[in-house]
Amino acid sequence: MPKFDNQTVELVFIAVTALAVLLQGIVLLFIYLALRKGIVSLREEVEDLRASLMPMVENTRELIDNSRTLIDNARRLFVRVAPKAEQAASDVARVTRGLREQTEELESATQEILARVRVQTRRLDAMTTSGLDAVDRAGNYVADTVGRPVRQLAGLVAAAKAVVESLRGPVREPRQTRFSNDEDRFI
């Protein structure tokens, strides 16, 4: 059986500790990469959502502005045409009511779209929050999982060091007891 001196034992313990630290570093690197990938993906999803909703909202706003402009123009026309014929005024009033209803429908549709955007934003916020909470729990779990064996290993290393130190100490010779009667006798 090979003999292990203190340097060999210390070298083995240092190597094991270095491997544990390296393993912990690798696990933390993978966690970092996974978080980074998740955040990039989440940003892309938000940008896609924003890119798909914002043109629709802008188009709806333009349509409402154009409708209001059309209503204003129609009112000016009515002022000029009203004295000429009552029948034309009633027809124009009917058209105006239709436009007003359509504008109200457009405003209602815009409000629905904005409500849906708010709901999707809340949903996205909830998804982001739950994802980050899961990452936090995973980080705590990994820290506990890796930390506990490292602490146990440190305890074992301390115990081994204490054993080695106690074995390494000077060897004491047993004491000889002296009796007063023995001093007088010399052979």
Protein backbone atom coordinates (compact mmCIF):
# COMPACT_ATOMS: atom_id res chain seq x y z
CA MET A 1 0.00 0.00 0.00
CA PRO A 2 1.47 3.39 -0.99
CA LYS A 3 2.29 5.86 1.73
CA PHE A 4 0.66 9.26 1.55
CA ASP A 5 2.63 12.08 3.01
CA ASN A 6 1.13 15.44 3.94
CA GLN A 7 1.96 17.12 0.67
CA THR A 8 0.23 14.41 -1.32
CA VAL A 9 -2.88 14.59 0.85
CA GLU A 10 -2.94 18.37 0.66
CA LEU A 11 -2.46 18.24 -3.10
CA VAL A 12 -5.40 15.84 -3.44
CA PHE A 13 -7.61 18.07 -1.31
CA ILE A 14 -6.58 21.14 -3.28
CA ALA A 15 -7.34 19.34 -6.55
CA VAL A 16 -10.78 18.26 -5.31
CA THR A 17 -11.54 21.79 -4.12
CA ALA A 18 -10.39 23.24 -7.45
CA LEU A 19 -12.65 20.82 -9.32
CA ALA A 20 -15.61 21.79 -7.13
CA VAL A 21 -14.97 25.49 -7.76
CA LEU A 22 -14.62 24.84 -11.48
CA LEU A 23 -17.90 22.89 -11.51
CA GLN A 24 -19.63 25.72 -9.70
CA GLY A 25 -18.25 28.22 -12.20
CA ILE A 26 -19.50 26.13 -15.11
CA VAL A 27 -22.98 25.85 -13.59
CA LEU A 28 -23.10 29.60 -13.02
CA LEU A 29 -21.96 30.19 -16.61
CA PHE A 30 -24.77 28.00 -17.94
CA ILE A 31 -27.29 29.84 -15.77
CA TYR A 32 -26.00 33.16 -17.08
CA LEU A 33 -26.22 31.98 -20.70
CA ALA A 34 -29.75 30.67 -20.22
CA LEU A 35 -30.86 33.94 -18.64
CA ARG A 36 -29.28 35.93 -21.42
CA LYS A 37 -30.97 33.82 -24.08
CA GLY A 38 -34.33 34.15 -22.31
CA ILE A 39 -34.02 37.92 -22.07
CA VAL A 40 -33.08 38.23 -25.75
CA SER A 41 -36.05 36.06 -26.71
CA LEU A 42 -38.35 38.10 -24.51
CA ARG A 43 -37.12 41.34 -26.04
CA GLU A 44 -37.73 39.96 -29.52
CA GLU A 45 -41.26 38.96 -28.56
CA VAL A 46 -41.97 42.41 -27.15
CA GLU A 47 -40.56 44.07 -30.27
CA ASP A 48 -42.66 41.78 -32.49
CA LEU A 49 -45.76 42.59 -30.47
CA ARG A 50 -45.00 46.29 -30.59
CA ALA A 51 -44.23 46.15 -34.31
CA SER A 52 -47.52 44.39 -35.05
CA LEU A 53 -49.76 46.55 -32.81
CA MET A 54 -48.35 50.03 -33.28
CA PRO A 55 -49.09 50.31 -37.04
CA MET A 56 -52.68 49.26 -36.36
CA VAL A 57 -53.03 51.85 -33.58
CA GLU A 58 -51.46 54.54 -35.79
CA ASN A 59 -53.74 53.63 -38.71
CA THR A 60 -56.76 53.78 -36.41
CA ARG A 61 -55.72 57.20 -35.15
CA GLU A 62 -55.24 58.44 -38.71
CA LEU A 63 -58.63 57.05 -39.66
CA ILE A 64 -60.27 58.85 -36.72
CA ASP A 65 -58.47 62.09 -37.62
CA ASN A 66 -59.51 61.71 -41.26
CA SER A 67 -63.09 61.00 -40.18
CA ARG A 68 -63.17 64.11 -38.02
CA THR A 69 -61.77 66.16 -40.87
CA LEU A 70 -64.43 64.71 -43.16
CA ILE A 71 -67.15 65.58 -40.65
CA ASP A 72 -65.85 69.13 -40.36
CA ASN A 73 -65.83 69.49 -44.14
CA ALA A 74 -69.34 68.06 -44.35
CA ARG A 75 -70.60 70.58 -41.80
CA ARG A 76 -69.18 73.47 -43.83
CA LEU A 77 -70.86 72.08 -46.91
CA PHE A 78 -74.17 71.87 -45.09
CA VAL A 79 -73.96 75.51 -44.11
CA ARG A 80 -73.58 76.50 -47.75
CA VAL A 81 -76.13 74.07 -49.17
CA ALA A 82 -78.84 74.41 -46.46
CA PRO A 83 -80.45 77.55 -47.84
CA LYS A 84 -80.74 76.03 -51.33
CA ALA A 85 -82.74 72.91 -50.58
CA GLU A 86 -84.31 71.29 -47.59
CA GLN A 87 -84.19 67.86 -49.16
CA ALA A 88 -80.45 68.06 -49.71
CA ALA A 89 -80.05 69.06 -46.06
CA SER A 90 -82.00 66.04 -44.84
CA ASP A 91 -79.89 63.76 -47.05
CA VAL A 92 -76.71 65.33 -45.79
CA ALA A 93 -77.94 65.06 -42.19
CA ARG A 94 -78.54 61.37 -42.73
CA VAL A 95 -75.02 60.99 -44.13
CA THR A 96 -73.64 62.93 -41.19
CA ARG A 97 -75.42 60.66 -38.73
CA GLY A 98 -73.95 57.67 -40.54
CA LEU A 99 -70.50 59.17 -40.40
CA ARG A 100 -70.96 60.02 -36.74
CA GLU A 101 -72.01 56.44 -36.00
CA GLN A 102 -69.08 55.12 -37.96
CA THR A 103 -66.76 57.46 -36.07
CA GLU A 104 -68.21 56.24 -32.79
CA GLU A 105 -67.76 52.67 -33.97
CA LEU A 106 -64.18 53.46 -34.93
CA GLU A 107 -63.57 55.07 -31.56
CA SER A 108 -65.15 52.06 -29.87
CA ALA A 109 -62.98 49.73 -31.95
CA THR A 110 -59.94 51.82 -31.04
CA GLN A 111 -60.85 51.58 -27.36
CA GLU A 112 -61.20 47.79 -27.70
CA ILE A 113 -57.84 47.56 -29.43
CA LEU A 114 -56.21 49.65 -26.72
CA ALA A 115 -57.88 47.50 -24.04
CA ARG A 116 -56.52 44.38 -25.74
CA VAL A 117 -53.08 45.95 -25.93
CA ARG A 118 -53.27 46.66 -22.19
CA VAL A 119 -54.34 43.07 -21.49
CA GLN A 120 -51.49 41.72 -23.59
CA THR A 121 -49.07 44.09 -21.86
CA ARG A 122 -50.23 42.86 -18.45
CA ARG A 123 -49.93 39.29 -19.66
CA LEU A 124 -46.42 39.93 -20.95
CA ASP A 125 -45.52 41.58 -17.64
CA ALA A 126 -46.88 38.57 -15.73
CA MET A 127 -44.93 36.19 -17.98
CA THR A 128 -41.75 38.20 -17.49
CA THR A 129 -42.25 38.32 -13.73
CA SER A 130 -42.93 34.60 -13.48
CA GLY A 131 -39.91 33.83 -15.68
CA LEU A 132 -37.60 35.94 -13.57
CA ASP A 133 -39.05 34.43 -10.38
CA ALA A 134 -38.34 30.96 -11.77
CA VAL A 135 -34.78 31.99 -12.61
CA ASP A 136 -34.35 33.35 -9.07
CA ARG A 137 -35.65 30.11 -7.56
CA ALA A 138 -33.35 28.10 -9.84
CA GLY A 139 -30.37 30.22 -8.78
CA ASN A 140 -31.20 29.70 -5.10
CA TYR A 141 -31.61 25.97 -5.67
CA VAL A 142 -28.29 25.70 -7.49
CA ALA A 143 -26.56 27.75 -4.77
CA ASP A 144 -27.99 25.49 -2.07
CA THR A 145 -27.25 22.32 -4.05
CA VAL A 146 -23.66 23.28 -4.79
CA GLY A 147 -23.01 25.09 -1.51
CA ARG A 148 -23.99 22.25 0.84
CA PRO A 149 -21.55 19.67 -0.61
CA VAL A 150 -18.79 22.29 -0.69
CA ARG A 151 -19.37 23.05 3.03
CA GLN A 152 -19.37 19.33 3.81
CA LEU A 153 -16.18 18.89 1.82
CA ALA A 154 -14.61 21.83 3.70
CA GLY A 155 -15.57 20.12 6.98
CA LEU A 156 -13.98 16.88 5.82
CA VAL A 157 -10.85 18.75 4.77
CA ALA A 158 -10.66 20.44 8.19
CA ALA A 159 -11.14 17.09 9.94
CA ALA A 160 -8.47 15.46 7.79
CA LYS A 161 -6.12 18.34 8.47
CA ALA A 162 -6.69 18.00 12.22
CA VAL A 163 -6.00 14.25 12.04
CA VAL A 164 -2.84 14.84 10.01
CA GLU A 165 -1.67 17.53 12.43
CA SER A 166 -2.27 15.30 15.43
CA LEU A 167 -0.37 12.45 13.78
CA ARG A 168 2.40 14.77 12.75
CA GLY A 169 3.10 16.07 16.28
CA PRO A 170 6.25 14.99 18.26
CA VAL A 171 6.21 11.50 19.75
CA ARG A 172 6.45 11.56 23.54
CA GLU A 173 8.38 8.96 25.42
CA PRO A 174 6.62 7.29 28.30
CA ARG A 175 7.66 8.55 31.70
CA GLN A 176 9.54 6.35 34.09
CA THR A 177 8.29 6.43 37.54
CA ARG A 178 10.89 6.91 40.20
CA PHE A 179 10.68 5.45 43.58
CA SER A 180 12.77 6.72 46.40
CA ASN A 181 13.87 3.19 47.19
CA ASP A 182 15.22 2.65 43.68
CA GLU A 183 17.70 5.48 43.84
CA ASP A 184 19.67 3.73 46.55
CA ARG A 185 20.05 0.56 44.61
CA PHE A 186 22.55 0.53 41.87
CA ILE A 187 23.69 -2.63 40.30
